[in-house]
Amino acid sequence: MAVDTFDEQWVELADRANDGLDIRLYWNRGDGRVKVAVTRIHTGRVAELRVEPSDAMTAFHHPFAYHEATTRAARAERLHV
């Protein structure tokens, strides 16, 4: 019997490419997490964003704006703690 590894739990839901970037949306069938992977095609550098499931399509279509907004929100939350 084969055991799923962590990587085998991720399912690609969507992909697109433009302006030298490859953007992919993934869902983890084991625990429901969602992430967006952005690869700069020329260099092969990859950045991954953890995404709330309800924000999946926003993050997929606008990964840099999503990252900036969530970073700003996290900073503001830390200041109020």
PDB file of N, CA and C in Angstrom:
ATOM      1  N   MET A   1       0.839  -1.180   0.000  1.00  0.00           N
ATOM      2  CA  MET A   1       0.000   0.000   0.000  1.00  0.00           C
ATOM      3  C   MET A   1       0.883   1.242   0.000  1.00  0.00           C
ATOM      4  N   ALA A   2       0.649   2.143  -0.940  1.00  0.00           N
ATOM      5  CA  ALA A   2       1.434   3.371  -1.030  1.00  0.00           C
ATOM      6  C   ALA A   2       0.895   4.396  -0.042  1.00  0.00           C
ATOM      7  N   VAL A   3       1.814   5.146   0.532  1.00  0.00           N
ATOM      8  CA  VAL A   3       1.442   6.207   1.464  1.00  0.00           C
ATOM      9  C   VAL A   3       1.693   7.534   0.768  1.00  0.00           C
ATOM     10  N   ASP A   4       0.693   8.416   0.789  1.00  0.00           N
ATOM     11  CA  ASP A   4       0.861   9.732   0.186  1.00  0.00           C
ATOM     12  C   ASP A   4       1.897  10.518   0.966  1.00  0.00           C
ATOM     13  N   THR A   5       2.820  11.132   0.260  1.00  0.00           N
ATOM     14  CA  THR A   5       3.754  12.033   0.915  1.00  0.00           C
ATOM     15  C   THR A   5       3.127  13.414   0.945  1.00  0.00           C
ATOM     16  N   PHE A   6       3.767  14.302   1.674  1.00  0.00           N
ATOM     17  CA  PHE A   6       3.269  15.669   1.794  1.00  0.00           C
ATOM     18  C   PHE A   6       3.071  16.295   0.411  1.00  0.00           C
ATOM     19  N   ASP A   7       4.047  16.172  -0.484  1.00  0.00           N
ATOM     20  CA  ASP A   7       3.965  16.780  -1.806  1.00  0.00           C
ATOM     21  C   ASP A   7       2.834  16.197  -2.645  1.00  0.00           C
ATOM     22  N   GLU A   8       2.500  14.949  -2.448  1.00  0.00           N
ATOM     23  CA  GLU A   8       1.436  14.330  -3.233  1.00  0.00           C
ATOM     24  C   GLU A   8       0.053  14.800  -2.810  1.00  0.00           C
ATOM     25  N   GLN A   9      -0.044  15.504  -1.709  1.00  0.00           N
ATOM     26  CA  GLN A   9      -1.326  16.029  -1.242  1.00  0.00           C
ATOM     27  C   GLN A   9      -1.731  17.295  -1.996  1.00  0.00           C
ATOM     28  N   TRP A  10      -0.780  17.979  -2.631  1.00  0.00           N
ATOM     29  CA  TRP A  10      -1.068  19.229  -3.319  1.00  0.00           C
ATOM     30  C   TRP A  10      -1.604  18.953  -4.714  1.00  0.00           C
ATOM     31  N   VAL A  11      -2.725  19.590  -5.041  1.00  0.00           N
ATOM     32  CA  VAL A  11      -3.384  19.446  -6.339  1.00  0.00           C
ATOM     33  C   VAL A  11      -3.371  20.814  -7.018  1.00  0.00           C
ATOM     34  N   GLU A  12      -2.887  20.858  -8.256  1.00  0.00           N
ATOM     35  CA  GLU A  12      -2.900  22.115  -9.002  1.00  0.00           C
ATOM     36  C   GLU A  12      -4.311  22.382  -9.511  1.00  0.00           C
ATOM     37  N   LEU A  13      -4.837  23.557  -9.188  1.00  0.00           N
ATOM     38  CA  LEU A  13      -6.190  23.917  -9.599  1.00  0.00           C
ATOM     39  C   LEU A  13      -6.211  24.832 -10.814  1.00  0.00           C
ATOM     40  N   ALA A  14      -5.192  25.673 -10.951  1.00  0.00           N
ATOM     41  CA  ALA A  14      -5.170  26.625 -12.064  1.00  0.00           C
ATOM     42  C   ALA A  14      -3.736  27.070 -12.310  1.00  0.00           C
ATOM     43  N   ASP A  15      -3.466  27.481 -13.549  1.00  0.00           N
ATOM     44  CA  ASP A  15      -2.160  28.046 -13.864  1.00  0.00           C
ATOM     45  C   ASP A  15      -2.319  29.085 -14.961  1.00  0.00           C
ATOM     46  N   ARG A  16      -1.383  30.010 -14.961  1.00  0.00           N
ATOM     47  CA  ARG A  16      -1.345  31.031 -15.997  1.00  0.00           C
ATOM     48  C   ARG A  16       0.079  31.563 -16.086  1.00  0.00           C
ATOM     49  N   ALA A  17       0.412  32.177 -17.209  1.00  0.00           N
ATOM     50  CA  ALA A  17       1.731  32.766 -17.388  1.00  0.00           C
ATOM     51  C   ALA A  17       1.582  34.087 -18.125  1.00  0.00           C
ATOM     52  N   ASN A  18       2.329  35.093 -17.662  1.00  0.00           N
ATOM     53  CA  ASN A  18       2.438  36.361 -18.374  1.00  0.00           C
ATOM     54  C   ASN A  18       3.573  37.182 -17.789  1.00  0.00           C
ATOM     55  N   ASP A  19       4.088  38.086 -18.587  1.00  0.00           N
ATOM     56  CA  ASP A  19       5.171  38.981 -18.165  1.00  0.00           C
ATOM     57  C   ASP A  19       6.337  38.240 -17.527  1.00  0.00           C
ATOM     58  N   GLY A  20       6.666  37.055 -18.031  1.00  0.00           N
ATOM     59  CA  GLY A  20       7.806  36.306 -17.512  1.00  0.00           C
ATOM     60  C   GLY A  20       7.545  35.590 -16.200  1.00  0.00           C
ATOM     61  N   LEU A  21       6.285  35.488 -15.801  1.00  0.00           N
ATOM     62  CA  LEU A  21       5.927  34.805 -14.558  1.00  0.00           C
ATOM     63  C   LEU A  21       5.021  33.622 -14.851  1.00  0.00           C
ATOM     64  N   ASP A  22       5.209  32.553 -14.108  1.00  0.00           N
ATOM     65  CA  ASP A  22       4.319  31.399 -14.130  1.00  0.00           C
ATOM     66  C   ASP A  22       3.635  31.370 -12.775  1.00  0.00           C
ATOM     67  N   ILE A  23       2.306  31.413 -12.760  1.00  0.00           N
ATOM     68  CA  ILE A  23       1.547  31.494 -11.512  1.00  0.00           C
ATOM     69  C   ILE A  23       0.634  30.278 -11.419  1.00  0.00           C
ATOM     70  N   ARG A  24       0.708  29.579 -10.295  1.00  0.00           N
ATOM     71  CA  ARG A  24      -0.084  28.362 -10.109  1.00  0.00           C
ATOM     72  C   ARG A  24      -0.802  28.391  -8.768  1.00  0.00           C
ATOM     73  N   LEU A  25      -2.036  27.906  -8.787  1.00  0.00           N
ATOM     74  CA  LEU A  25      -2.872  27.822  -7.594  1.00  0.00           C
ATOM     75  C   LEU A  25      -2.963  26.363  -7.178  1.00  0.00           C
ATOM     76  N   TYR A  26      -2.675  26.077  -5.901  1.00  0.00           N
ATOM     77  CA  TYR A  26      -2.693  24.709  -5.384  1.00  0.00           C
ATOM     78  C   TYR A  26      -3.628  24.603  -4.180  1.00  0.00           C
ATOM     79  N   TRP A  27      -4.192  23.426  -4.033  1.00  0.00           N
ATOM     80  CA  TRP A  27      -5.042  23.080  -2.884  1.00  0.00           C
ATOM     81  C   TRP A  27      -4.501  21.783  -2.289  1.00  0.00           C
ATOM     82  N   ASN A  28      -4.437  21.729  -0.963  1.00  0.00           N
ATOM     83  CA  ASN A  28      -3.962  20.527  -0.288  1.00  0.00           C
ATOM     84  C   ASN A  28      -5.157  19.675   0.104  1.00  0.00           C
ATOM     85  N   ARG A  29      -5.267  18.507  -0.526  1.00  0.00           N
ATOM     86  CA  ARG A  29      -6.432  17.649  -0.281  1.00  0.00           C
ATOM     87  C   ARG A  29      -6.433  17.051   1.123  1.00  0.00           C
ATOM     88  N   GLY A  30      -5.300  17.037   1.783  1.00  0.00           N
ATOM     89  CA  GLY A  30      -5.222  16.465   3.123  1.00  0.00           C
ATOM     90  C   GLY A  30      -5.768  17.375   4.211  1.00  0.00           C
ATOM     91  N   ASP A  31      -5.475  18.670   4.083  1.00  0.00           N
ATOM     92  CA  ASP A  31      -5.895  19.577   5.156  1.00  0.00           C
ATOM     93  C   ASP A  31      -6.602  20.843   4.670  1.00  0.00           C
ATOM     94  N   GLY A  32      -6.808  20.976   3.358  1.00  0.00           N
ATOM     95  CA  GLY A  32      -7.573  22.094   2.825  1.00  0.00           C
ATOM     96  C   GLY A  32      -6.814  23.392   2.646  1.00  0.00           C
ATOM     97  N   ARG A  33      -5.497  23.392   2.932  1.00  0.00           N
ATOM     98  CA  ARG A  33      -4.737  24.626   2.743  1.00  0.00           C
ATOM     99  C   ARG A  33      -4.680  24.990   1.260  1.00  0.00           C
ATOM    100  N   VAL A  34      -4.427  26.260   1.002  1.00  0.00           N
ATOM    101  CA  VAL A  34      -4.318  26.776  -0.360  1.00  0.00           C
ATOM    102  C   VAL A  34      -3.032  27.589  -0.449  1.00  0.00           C
ATOM    103  N   LYS A  35      -2.356  27.508  -1.592  1.00  0.00           N
ATOM    104  CA  LYS A  35      -1.174  28.334  -1.813  1.00  0.00           C
ATOM    105  C   LYS A  35      -1.104  28.740  -3.274  1.00  0.00           C
ATOM    106  N   VAL A  36      -0.401  29.841  -3.511  1.00  0.00           N
ATOM    107  CA  VAL A  36      -0.115  30.311  -4.856  1.00  0.00           C
ATOM    108  C   VAL A  36       1.397  30.312  -5.004  1.00  0.00           C
ATOM    109  N   ALA A  37       1.884  29.684  -6.073  1.00  0.00           N
ATOM    110  CA  ALA A  37       3.309  29.666  -6.366  1.00  0.00           C
ATOM    111  C   ALA A  37       3.564  30.563  -7.576  1.00  0.00           C
ATOM    112  N   VAL A  38       4.513  31.471  -7.428  1.00  0.00           N
ATOM    113  CA  VAL A  38       4.883  32.384  -8.511  1.00  0.00           C
ATOM    114  C   VAL A  38       6.332  32.096  -8.873  1.00  0.00           C
ATOM    115  N   THR A  39       6.562  31.725 -10.131  1.00  0.00           N
ATOM    116  CA  THR A  39       7.909  31.430 -10.605  1.00  0.00           C
ATOM    117  C   THR A  39       8.322  32.466 -11.636  1.00  0.00           C
ATOM    118  N   ARG A  40       9.477  33.060 -11.435  1.00  0.00           N
ATOM    119  CA  ARG A  40      10.043  33.954 -12.448  1.00  0.00           C
ATOM    120  C   ARG A  40      10.707  33.043 -13.471  1.00  0.00           C
ATOM    121  N   ILE A  41      10.139  32.968 -14.653  1.00  0.00           N
ATOM    122  CA  ILE A  41      10.553  31.995 -15.663  1.00  0.00           C
ATOM    123  C   ILE A  41      12.027  32.137 -16.019  1.00  0.00           C
ATOM    124  N   HIS A  42      12.524  33.342 -16.158  1.00  0.00           N
ATOM    125  CA  HIS A  42      13.902  33.576 -16.582  1.00  0.00           C
ATOM    126  C   HIS A  42      14.928  33.026 -15.585  1.00  0.00           C
ATOM    127  N   THR A  43      14.636  33.169 -14.286  1.00  0.00           N
ATOM    128  CA  THR A  43      15.605  32.769 -13.268  1.00  0.00           C
ATOM    129  C   THR A  43      15.249  31.464 -12.568  1.00  0.00           C
ATOM    130  N   GLY A  44      13.983  31.059 -12.654  1.00  0.00           N
ATOM    131  CA  GLY A  44      13.548  29.859 -11.946  1.00  0.00           C
ATOM    132  C   GLY A  44      13.258  30.098 -10.475  1.00  0.00           C
ATOM    133  N   ARG A  45      13.368  31.338 -10.010  1.00  0.00           N
ATOM    134  CA  ARG A  45      13.079  31.642  -8.604  1.00  0.00           C
ATOM    135  C   ARG A  45      11.590  31.487  -8.342  1.00  0.00           C
ATOM    136  N   VAL A  46      11.275  30.882  -7.192  1.00  0.00           N
ATOM    137  CA  VAL A  46       9.888  30.594  -6.835  1.00  0.00           C
ATOM    138  C   VAL A  46       9.555  31.250  -5.497  1.00  0.00           C
ATOM    139  N   ALA A  47       8.382  31.857  -5.433  1.00  0.00           N
ATOM    140  CA  ALA A  47       7.845  32.376  -4.176  1.00  0.00           C
ATOM    141  C   ALA A  47       6.487  31.727  -3.970  1.00  0.00           C
ATOM    142  N   GLU A  48       6.199  31.345  -2.732  1.00  0.00           N
ATOM    143  CA  GLU A  48       4.907  30.739  -2.414  1.00  0.00           C
ATOM    144  C   GLU A  48       4.179  31.598  -1.395  1.00  0.00           C
ATOM    145  N   LEU A  49       2.890  31.766  -1.643  1.00  0.00           N
ATOM    146  CA  LEU A  49       2.037  32.511  -0.717  1.00  0.00           C
ATOM    147  C   LEU A  49       1.028  31.563  -0.098  1.00  0.00           C
ATOM    148  N   ARG A  50       0.947  31.544   1.211  1.00  0.00           N
ATOM    149  CA  ARG A  50      -0.143  30.833   1.881  1.00  0.00           C
ATOM    150  C   ARG A  50      -1.375  31.707   1.751  1.00  0.00           C
ATOM    151  N   VAL A  51      -2.484  31.119   1.381  1.00  0.00           N
ATOM    152  CA  VAL A  51      -3.676  31.890   1.046  1.00  0.00           C
ATOM    153  C   VAL A  51      -4.881  31.327   1.786  1.00  0.00           C
ATOM    154  N   GLU A  52      -5.726  32.214   2.287  1.00  0.00           N
ATOM    155  CA  GLU A  52      -7.003  31.776   2.843  1.00  0.00           C
ATOM    156  C   GLU A  52      -7.836  31.222   1.687  1.00  0.00           C
ATOM    157  N   PRO A  53      -8.508  30.094   1.876  1.00  0.00           N
ATOM    158  CA  PRO A  53      -9.303  29.525   0.785  1.00  0.00           C
ATOM    159  C   PRO A  53     -10.279  30.518   0.154  1.00  0.00           C
ATOM    160  N   SER A  54     -10.866  31.382   0.962  1.00  0.00           N
ATOM    161  CA  SER A  54     -11.822  32.359   0.420  1.00  0.00           C
ATOM    162  C   SER A  54     -11.137  33.414  -0.454  1.00  0.00           C
ATOM    163  N   ASP A  55      -9.815  33.551  -0.357  1.00  0.00           N
ATOM    164  CA  ASP A  55      -9.058  34.532  -1.135  1.00  0.00           C
ATOM    165  C   ASP A  55      -8.297  33.904  -2.296  1.00  0.00           C
ATOM    166  N   ALA A  56      -8.541  32.635  -2.574  1.00  0.00           N
ATOM    167  CA  ALA A  56      -7.730  31.898  -3.544  1.00  0.00           C
ATOM    168  C   ALA A  56      -7.678  32.560  -4.921  1.00  0.00           C
ATOM    169  N   MET A  57      -8.806  32.914  -5.475  1.00  0.00           N
ATOM    170  CA  MET A  57      -8.810  33.474  -6.826  1.00  0.00           C
ATOM    171  C   MET A  57      -8.233  34.891  -6.860  1.00  0.00           C
ATOM    172  N   THR A  58      -8.458  35.658  -5.814  1.00  0.00           N
ATOM    173  CA  THR A  58      -7.854  36.993  -5.743  1.00  0.00           C
ATOM    174  C   THR A  58      -6.340  36.875  -5.727  1.00  0.00           C
ATOM    175  N   ALA A  59      -5.814  35.985  -4.896  1.00  0.00           N
ATOM    176  CA  ALA A  59      -4.370  35.795  -4.811  1.00  0.00           C
ATOM    177  C   ALA A  59      -3.804  35.235  -6.111  1.00  0.00           C
ATOM    178  N   PHE A  60      -4.543  34.367  -6.777  1.00  0.00           N
ATOM    179  CA  PHE A  60      -4.094  33.789  -8.043  1.00  0.00           C
ATOM    180  C   PHE A  60      -3.997  34.865  -9.124  1.00  0.00           C
ATOM    181  N   HIS A  61      -4.972  35.742  -9.199  1.00  0.00           N
ATOM    182  CA  HIS A  61      -4.980  36.767 -10.242  1.00  0.00           C
ATOM    183  C   HIS A  61      -4.114  37.979  -9.905  1.00  0.00           C
ATOM    184  N   HIS A  62      -3.901  38.242  -8.623  1.00  0.00           N
ATOM    185  CA  HIS A  62      -3.146  39.422  -8.184  1.00  0.00           C
ATOM    186  C   HIS A  62      -2.200  39.048  -7.040  1.00  0.00           C
ATOM    187  N   PRO A  63      -1.230  38.148  -7.266  1.00  0.00           N
ATOM    188  CA  PRO A  63      -0.408  37.651  -6.149  1.00  0.00           C
ATOM    189  C   PRO A  63       0.408  38.733  -5.448  1.00  0.00           C
ATOM    190  N   PHE A  64       0.922  39.707  -6.176  1.00  0.00           N
ATOM    191  CA  PHE A  64       1.744  40.731  -5.539  1.00  0.00           C
ATOM    192  C   PHE A  64       0.893  41.678  -4.698  1.00  0.00           C
ATOM    193  N   ALA A  65      -0.256  42.069  -5.211  1.00  0.00           N
ATOM    194  CA  ALA A  65      -1.166  42.921  -4.438  1.00  0.00           C
ATOM    195  C   ALA A  65      -1.680  42.176  -3.210  1.00  0.00           C
ATOM    196  N   TYR A  66      -1.991  40.890  -3.374  1.00  0.00           N
ATOM    197  CA  TYR A  66      -2.470  40.085  -2.238  1.00  0.00           C
ATOM    198  C   TYR A  66      -1.388  40.008  -1.160  1.00  0.00           C
ATOM    199  N   HIS A  67      -0.167  39.740  -1.580  1.00  0.00           N
ATOM    200  CA  HIS A  67       0.935  39.636  -0.624  1.00  0.00           C
ATOM    201  C   HIS A  67       1.127  40.954   0.119  1.00  0.00           C
ATOM    202  N   GLU A  68       1.121  42.055  -0.611  1.00  0.00           N
ATOM    203  CA  GLU A  68       1.296  43.362   0.016  1.00  0.00           C
ATOM    204  C   GLU A  68       0.175  43.657   1.011  1.00  0.00           C
ATOM    205  N   ALA A  69      -1.058  43.367   0.632  1.00  0.00           N
ATOM    206  CA  ALA A  69      -2.197  43.627   1.520  1.00  0.00           C
ATOM    207  C   ALA A  69      -2.128  42.776   2.790  1.00  0.00           C
ATOM    208  N   THR A  70      -1.779  41.512   2.654  1.00  0.00           N
ATOM    209  CA  THR A  70      -1.726  40.647   3.836  1.00  0.00           C
ATOM    210  C   THR A  70      -0.537  41.016   4.718  1.00  0.00           C
ATOM    211  N   THR A  71       0.560  41.452   4.107  1.00  0.00           N
ATOM    212  CA  THR A  71       1.718  41.884   4.890  1.00  0.00           C
ATOM    213  C   THR A  71       1.388  43.142   5.682  1.00  0.00           C
ATOM    214  N   ARG A  72       0.713  44.102   5.031  1.00  0.00           N
ATOM    215  CA  ARG A  72       0.299  45.321   5.715  1.00  0.00           C
ATOM    216  C   ARG A  72      -0.649  45.006   6.870  1.00  0.00           C
ATOM    217  N   ALA A  73      -1.595  44.118   6.636  1.00  0.00           N
ATOM    218  CA  ALA A  73      -2.563  43.749   7.677  1.00  0.00           C
ATOM    219  C   ALA A  73      -1.869  43.072   8.852  1.00  0.00           C
ATOM    220  N   ALA A  74      -0.905  42.206   8.562  1.00  0.00           N
ATOM    221  CA  ALA A  74      -0.171  41.522   9.637  1.00  0.00           C
ATOM    222  C   ALA A  74       0.636  42.508  10.462  1.00  0.00           C
ATOM    223  N   ARG A  75       1.272  43.473   9.797  1.00  0.00           N
ATOM    224  CA  ARG A  75       2.029  44.511  10.519  1.00  0.00           C
ATOM    225  C   ARG A  75       1.112  45.328  11.424  1.00  0.00           C
ATOM    226  N   ALA A  76      -0.031  45.722  10.888  1.00  0.00           N
ATOM    227  CA  ALA A  76      -0.985  46.509  11.678  1.00  0.00           C
ATOM    228  C   ALA A  76      -1.486  45.715  12.869  1.00  0.00           C
ATOM    229  N   GLU A  77      -1.734  44.431  12.680  1.00  0.00           N
ATOM    230  CA  GLU A  77      -2.210  43.584  13.774  1.00  0.00           C
ATOM    231  C   GLU A  77      -1.154  43.462  14.864  1.00  0.00           C
ATOM    232  N   ARG A  78       0.114  43.327  14.486  1.00  0.00           N
ATOM    233  CA  ARG A  78       1.192  43.232  15.490  1.00  0.00           C
ATOM    234  C   ARG A  78       1.302  44.518  16.290  1.00  0.00           C
ATOM    235  N   LEU A  79       1.064  45.649  15.661  1.00  0.00           N
ATOM    236  CA  LEU A  79       1.144  46.930  16.367  1.00  0.00           C
ATOM    237  C   LEU A  79       0.042  47.094  17.391  1.00  0.00           C
ATOM    238  N   HIS A  80      -1.083  46.435  17.185  1.00  0.00           N
ATOM    239  CA  HIS A  80      -2.232  46.567  18.097  1.00  0.00           C
ATOM    240  C   HIS A  80      -2.249  45.502  19.172  1.00  0.00           C
ATOM    241  N   VAL A  81      -1.294  44.607  19.193  1.00  0.00           N
ATOM    242  CA  VAL A  81      -1.271  43.530  20.185  1.00  0.00           C
ATOM    243  C   VAL A  81      -0.664  44.025  21.470  1.00  0.00           C
TER     244      VAL A  81
END
